[in-house]
Amino acid sequence: MESIRYLDRASGAWEEELVFGERELRLFYGSWLGRTLTQHVLSRRPLSQVYGLMKRSPWSRGQIQGFVDRLGIDASEAARPLEAYSSLDAFFARRLRPGVRPLDPDPNALLSPCDARTLVFSGWPRGEPLVVKKSRVSLAELVGDPALAERFAGGPVLIARLAPADYHRYHFPASGWADPARATEGRLHSVHPIALSAGAASFLNKRSLTLLQTERFGALALIEVGALVVGTILQTYSPGWVQRGAEKGTFRFGGSTVVVLCERGRVVWDEDLLATSATGDETLVRVGTRVGRSIRSI
């Protein structure tokens, strides 16, 4: 069974991902029967809603320590001790202690919106779908608006995949004016490379899009994508002026993805992320660290 590896940017070491539910994912996406079952049953919202209720129930508290141990989570980063969380889902959506994720002080740095395994692309192919593993999605399909798609056509793209072990709150990558979020309904496929390699339409899952108007980076489209057993994308920000690094929202139980779209000629990604992405490999980055910079310094 082929392992899933990623580059830990902080340590510089290649790591093997501990995949939550790996056997089930390979079953769901690795056979005709599994893919058929996933398409017609498992990717529909009722299953995720029931699963979410189970993980929000008090009886799931007993699963927290095993979840931490199995996935190698550093529980010391959490804002509260493990016994203070009322359910596994409450721990999953945990906040971190102040100072655990310092922000890059350079105002021309575009920040990672979350702790995630990240791919970057220098530009969305004009008039062509973006291909991630074997999953294909057009820009118009992703944003659900032809005019908005044209605005970001050819612009840089960042795809940040949150694994179940990760801190699951997401933040603003830059200061600016944030519009209200626009929700789009959809299925709930897994966003894991196992599913993407099977051609799952994961980027057309249930998702939420927010336009962020910034002075240094131009307009950014921030898209949160739900996933298998992720029934809720919760926005915690108020539309209006927001500060870089401020919390935007949180996912509930399961793996998820944040996509950042940039306008052409405004942002360039860091060279190390481009180099790793060119081979199809992900880089683990932490929220608040630099992933790119403004081309037009102010």
Protein backbone atom coordinates (compact mmCIF):
# COMPACT_ATOMS: atom_id res chain seq x y z
CA MET A 1 0.00 0.00 0.00
CA GLU A 2 1.58 3.28 -1.13
CA SER A 3 2.20 5.73 1.71
CA ILE A 4 1.17 9.40 1.63
CA ARG A 5 4.17 11.66 2.25
CA TYR A 6 4.60 15.39 2.69
CA LEU A 7 7.43 17.81 3.42
CA ASP A 8 7.32 19.42 6.87
CA ARG A 9 8.45 22.95 6.13
CA ALA A 10 9.43 23.69 9.73
CA SER A 11 11.78 20.72 10.09
CA GLY A 12 12.73 20.21 6.44
CA ALA A 13 12.01 16.49 6.83
CA TRP A 14 9.81 14.28 4.69
CA GLU A 15 7.09 12.66 6.78
CA GLU A 16 4.61 9.85 6.22
CA GLU A 17 1.07 10.96 6.89
CA LEU A 18 -0.90 9.08 9.52
CA VAL A 19 -4.22 8.87 7.69
CA PHE A 20 -7.37 8.81 9.80
CA GLY A 21 -9.65 6.13 8.33
CA GLU A 22 -7.13 5.14 5.63
CA ARG A 23 -8.53 1.62 5.13
CA GLU A 24 -12.03 3.02 4.68
CA LEU A 25 -10.84 5.71 2.23
CA ARG A 26 -9.03 3.15 0.09
CA LEU A 27 -12.15 0.96 0.14
CA PHE A 28 -14.49 3.86 -0.75
CA TYR A 29 -12.34 5.20 -3.61
CA GLY A 30 -10.27 2.19 -4.67
CA SER A 31 -12.92 -0.03 -6.22
CA TRP A 32 -15.92 0.32 -8.51
CA LEU A 33 -18.28 -0.82 -5.76
CA GLY A 34 -16.77 1.56 -3.23
CA ARG A 35 -16.88 4.54 -5.61
CA THR A 36 -20.51 3.78 -6.49
CA LEU A 37 -21.45 3.56 -2.81
CA THR A 38 -19.59 6.79 -2.06
CA GLN A 39 -21.19 8.68 -4.96
CA HIS A 40 -24.76 7.66 -4.20
CA VAL A 41 -24.75 7.28 -0.40
CA LEU A 42 -21.66 8.27 1.55
CA SER A 43 -21.07 11.69 -0.04
CA ARG A 44 -24.60 12.87 0.72
CA ARG A 45 -25.18 15.19 3.68
CA PRO A 46 -27.34 12.95 5.94
CA LEU A 47 -24.42 10.61 6.65
CA SER A 48 -22.13 13.50 7.59
CA GLN A 49 -24.83 15.05 9.76
CA VAL A 50 -25.34 11.80 11.69
CA TYR A 51 -21.58 11.28 12.03
CA GLY A 52 -21.15 14.86 13.25
CA LEU A 53 -23.85 14.40 15.89
CA MET A 54 -22.06 11.30 17.14
CA LYS A 55 -18.77 13.18 17.46
CA ARG A 56 -20.50 16.09 19.24
CA SER A 57 -22.15 13.84 21.82
CA PRO A 58 -20.68 13.65 25.36
CA TRP A 59 -19.90 9.94 25.00
CA SER A 60 -17.28 10.80 22.36
CA ARG A 61 -15.12 12.47 25.06
CA GLY A 62 -13.59 9.06 25.71
CA GLN A 63 -12.19 9.04 22.16
CA ILE A 64 -10.14 12.23 22.54
CA GLN A 65 -7.00 10.72 24.06
CA GLY A 66 -6.92 7.88 21.53
CA PHE A 67 -7.40 10.39 18.69
CA VAL A 68 -4.47 12.45 19.99
CA ASP A 69 -2.23 9.42 20.43
CA ARG A 70 -3.06 7.79 17.10
CA LEU A 71 -2.44 10.92 15.02
CA GLY A 72 0.49 12.30 17.01
CA ILE A 73 -1.22 15.60 17.90
CA ASP A 74 0.70 17.99 20.15
CA ALA A 75 -2.03 18.56 22.73
CA SER A 76 0.12 21.10 24.59
CA GLU A 77 -0.70 23.62 21.84
CA ALA A 78 -4.42 23.52 22.64
CA ALA A 79 -5.95 26.39 24.59
CA ARG A 80 -7.49 23.99 27.12
CA PRO A 81 -6.48 20.66 28.70
CA LEU A 82 -7.94 17.56 27.06
CA GLU A 83 -10.33 16.86 29.91
CA ALA A 84 -11.94 20.29 29.44
CA TYR A 85 -13.40 19.40 26.01
CA SER A 86 -17.00 18.19 26.04
CA SER A 87 -16.70 16.00 22.93
CA LEU A 88 -14.29 14.81 20.26
CA ASP A 89 -15.72 17.44 17.90
CA ALA A 90 -15.09 20.18 20.50
CA PHE A 91 -11.43 19.15 20.64
CA PHE A 92 -11.29 18.90 16.84
CA ALA A 93 -12.43 22.55 16.58
CA ARG A 94 -10.06 23.63 19.37
CA ARG A 95 -8.39 27.00 19.59
CA LEU A 96 -4.66 27.26 20.25
CA ARG A 97 -2.83 28.93 23.09
CA PRO A 98 -1.89 32.58 22.41
CA GLY A 99 1.53 32.87 20.77
CA VAL A 100 1.66 29.29 19.46
CA ARG A 101 1.31 30.50 15.85
CA PRO A 102 3.16 33.84 15.54
CA LEU A 103 2.50 35.88 12.40
CA ASP A 104 5.23 36.71 9.91
CA PRO A 105 5.97 40.38 10.65
CA ASP A 106 6.65 41.36 7.01
CA PRO A 107 3.58 43.30 5.79
CA ASN A 108 4.33 42.17 2.20
CA ALA A 109 4.03 38.52 3.25
CA LEU A 110 0.84 36.68 2.33
CA LEU A 111 0.11 34.32 5.23
CA SER A 112 -0.98 30.72 5.28
CA PRO A 113 -4.67 30.70 6.29
CA CYS A 114 -4.39 27.46 8.25
CA ASP A 115 -2.22 24.56 9.36
CA ALA A 116 -2.30 22.43 6.22
CA ARG A 117 -0.58 20.33 3.59
CA THR A 118 -0.21 22.83 0.78
CA LEU A 119 0.06 22.88 -3.02
CA VAL A 120 0.60 26.08 -5.01
CA PHE A 121 0.18 26.86 -8.71
CA SER A 122 1.64 29.93 -10.41
CA GLY A 123 -1.54 30.45 -12.42
CA TRP A 124 -4.88 28.81 -13.08
CA PRO A 125 -4.70 27.62 -16.71
CA ARG A 126 -6.85 30.04 -18.72
CA GLY A 127 -9.88 28.25 -20.08
CA GLU A 128 -8.66 24.92 -18.71
CA PRO A 129 -9.48 22.90 -15.59
CA LEU A 130 -7.05 22.77 -12.71
CA VAL A 131 -5.83 19.19 -12.25
CA VAL A 132 -4.95 18.01 -8.72
CA LYS A 133 -3.89 14.36 -8.84
CA LYS A 134 -6.68 13.06 -11.14
CA SER A 135 -9.37 15.43 -9.92
CA ARG A 136 -10.29 18.17 -12.40
CA VAL A 137 -12.24 21.37 -11.75
CA SER A 138 -12.84 24.50 -13.80
CA LEU A 139 -12.55 27.91 -12.22
CA ALA A 140 -16.17 28.74 -13.10
CA GLU A 141 -17.34 25.53 -11.43
CA LEU A 142 -15.33 26.25 -8.30
CA VAL A 143 -16.50 29.84 -7.77
CA GLY A 144 -19.97 29.40 -9.29
CA ASP A 145 -19.84 32.76 -11.08
CA PRO A 146 -18.49 33.28 -14.64
CA ALA A 147 -17.64 36.96 -14.04
CA LEU A 148 -15.74 36.13 -10.86
CA ALA A 149 -13.98 33.29 -12.65
CA GLU A 150 -12.77 35.71 -15.33
CA ARG A 151 -11.45 38.04 -12.64
CA PHE A 152 -9.18 35.33 -11.22
CA ALA A 153 -8.36 33.53 -14.49
CA GLY A 154 -4.64 32.95 -14.83
CA GLY A 155 -4.00 34.02 -11.25
CA PRO A 156 -1.99 32.17 -8.58
CA VAL A 157 -3.74 29.40 -6.63
CA LEU A 158 -3.06 27.92 -3.20
CA ILE A 159 -4.72 24.68 -2.05
CA ALA A 160 -4.38 23.99 1.68
CA ARG A 161 -5.58 20.54 2.80
CA LEU A 162 -6.31 20.11 6.48
CA ALA A 163 -5.87 16.56 7.80
CA PRO A 164 -7.89 15.42 10.84
CA ALA A 165 -4.80 15.85 13.05
CA ASP A 166 -4.50 19.55 12.19
CA TYR A 167 -5.76 22.62 13.99
CA HIS A 168 -9.07 23.21 12.18
CA ARG A 169 -9.67 26.93 12.47
CA TYR A 170 -8.80 29.08 9.48
CA HIS A 171 -7.64 32.70 9.39
CA PHE A 172 -7.35 35.70 7.09
CA PRO A 173 -4.08 35.66 5.09
CA ALA A 174 -4.03 39.45 4.78
CA SER A 175 -5.72 42.56 6.11
CA GLY A 176 -8.55 43.99 4.07
CA TRP A 177 -12.27 44.35 3.56
CA ALA A 178 -14.10 41.02 3.79
CA ASP A 179 -17.47 40.58 2.09
CA PRO A 180 -20.14 38.26 3.52
CA ALA A 181 -19.49 34.60 2.75
CA ARG A 182 -21.43 32.97 -0.11
CA ALA A 183 -22.42 29.35 0.53
CA THR A 184 -22.74 26.76 -2.24
CA GLU A 185 -24.30 23.36 -1.61
CA GLY A 186 -22.66 20.19 -2.88
CA ARG A 187 -21.69 16.63 -2.08
CA LEU A 188 -19.14 15.78 0.62
CA HIS A 189 -16.37 13.73 -0.97
CA SER A 190 -13.07 13.22 0.80
CA VAL A 191 -10.41 15.82 -0.08
CA HIS A 192 -7.56 13.41 0.67
CA PRO A 193 -5.05 12.49 -2.10
CA ILE A 194 -6.49 8.96 -2.03
CA ALA A 195 -9.84 10.39 -3.21
CA LEU A 196 -8.28 12.95 -5.60
CA SER A 197 -6.20 10.20 -7.21
CA ALA A 198 -9.45 8.36 -7.92
CA GLY A 199 -10.82 11.45 -9.69
CA ALA A 200 -13.31 12.45 -6.98
CA ALA A 201 -15.08 15.76 -7.64
CA SER A 202 -13.92 17.03 -4.25
CA PHE A 203 -13.62 20.71 -5.21
CA LEU A 204 -17.34 20.78 -6.01
CA ASN A 205 -18.20 19.77 -2.45
CA LYS A 206 -20.24 22.00 -0.19
CA ARG A 207 -18.20 25.20 0.07
CA SER A 208 -18.14 28.84 1.09
CA LEU A 209 -16.53 31.77 -0.78
CA THR A 210 -15.48 35.13 0.63
CA LEU A 211 -14.00 38.03 -1.35
CA LEU A 212 -11.26 39.88 0.50
CA GLN A 213 -10.22 43.25 -0.93
CA THR A 214 -6.65 44.09 0.07
CA GLU A 215 -4.31 46.95 -0.72
CA ARG A 216 -1.11 44.91 -1.00
CA PHE A 217 -2.37 41.77 -2.75
CA GLY A 218 -5.38 42.93 -4.71
CA ALA A 219 -8.57 40.89 -4.45
CA LEU A 220 -8.38 37.43 -2.91
CA ALA A 221 -11.07 34.75 -3.09
CA LEU A 222 -11.04 32.58 0.04
CA ILE A 223 -12.89 29.31 -0.46
CA GLU A 224 -13.53 26.80 2.33
CA VAL A 225 -14.38 23.33 1.03
CA GLY A 226 -16.18 20.78 3.16
CA ALA A 227 -15.39 17.10 2.97
CA LEU A 228 -16.55 13.59 3.80
CA VAL A 229 -18.07 13.71 7.34
CA VAL A 230 -17.59 17.50 7.47
CA GLY A 231 -21.17 18.73 7.76
CA THR A 232 -20.42 22.27 8.92
CA ILE A 233 -18.32 25.18 7.70
CA LEU A 234 -18.77 27.80 10.41
CA GLN A 235 -17.85 31.44 9.72
CA THR A 236 -16.96 33.29 12.93
CA TYR A 237 -15.90 36.64 11.43
CA SER A 238 -18.03 39.74 10.87
CA PRO A 239 -18.01 41.22 7.34
CA GLY A 240 -16.04 44.45 7.11
CA TRP A 241 -12.45 45.33 7.88
CA VAL A 242 -10.37 42.36 9.11
CA GLN A 243 -6.78 42.05 10.29
CA ARG A 244 -4.25 39.57 8.90
CA GLY A 245 -4.15 36.48 11.08
CA ALA A 246 -7.61 37.06 12.56
CA GLU A 247 -9.82 33.99 12.85
CA LYS A 248 -12.26 33.62 9.94
CA GLY A 249 -14.02 30.41 10.92
CA THR A 250 -13.77 26.72 11.68
CA PHE A 251 -14.57 23.32 10.22
CA ARG A 252 -16.31 20.63 12.23
CA PHE A 253 -15.22 17.00 12.30
CA GLY A 254 -13.23 15.61 9.35
CA GLY A 255 -10.58 16.72 6.87
CA SER A 256 -11.16 19.88 4.86
CA THR A 257 -9.57 22.30 2.38
CA VAL A 258 -9.05 26.04 1.98
CA VAL A 259 -8.41 27.44 -1.52
CA VAL A 260 -6.95 30.92 -2.03
CA LEU A 261 -7.32 32.54 -5.47
CA CYS A 262 -5.27 35.62 -6.40
CA GLU A 263 -5.51 38.07 -9.28
CA ARG A 264 -2.82 37.94 -11.95
CA GLY A 265 0.30 39.99 -11.33
CA ARG A 266 -0.22 40.56 -7.62
CA VAL A 267 1.29 37.59 -5.75
CA VAL A 268 4.23 35.24 -6.18
CA TRP A 269 4.50 32.04 -4.13
CA ASP A 270 7.61 31.15 -2.15
CA GLU A 271 10.17 29.16 -4.14
CA ASP A 272 10.24 26.17 -1.78
CA LEU A 273 6.47 25.69 -2.11
CA LEU A 274 6.66 25.98 -5.90
CA ALA A 275 9.48 23.43 -6.07
CA THR A 276 7.65 20.84 -3.96
CA SER A 277 4.34 21.41 -5.71
CA ALA A 278 6.01 20.91 -9.11
CA THR A 279 6.55 17.25 -8.19
CA GLY A 280 2.96 16.88 -6.97
CA ASP A 281 4.00 16.75 -3.32
CA GLU A 282 2.48 18.73 -0.47
CA THR A 283 4.29 20.92 2.07
CA LEU A 284 3.02 21.17 5.63
CA VAL A 285 2.83 24.84 6.59
CA ARG A 286 1.52 26.49 9.76
CA VAL A 287 -1.02 29.28 9.95
CA GLY A 288 0.57 32.73 10.04
CA THR A 289 3.74 31.76 8.20
CA ARG A 290 4.58 33.27 4.82
CA VAL A 291 3.50 31.40 1.70
CA GLY A 292 3.99 34.22 -0.82
CA ARG A 293 4.65 37.91 -1.22
CA SER A 294 3.19 40.94 -2.88
CA ILE A 295 4.77 41.78 -6.21
CA ARG A 296 3.91 45.43 -5.67
CA SER A 297 5.58 46.51 -2.43
CA ILE A 298 3.82 49.37 -0.67
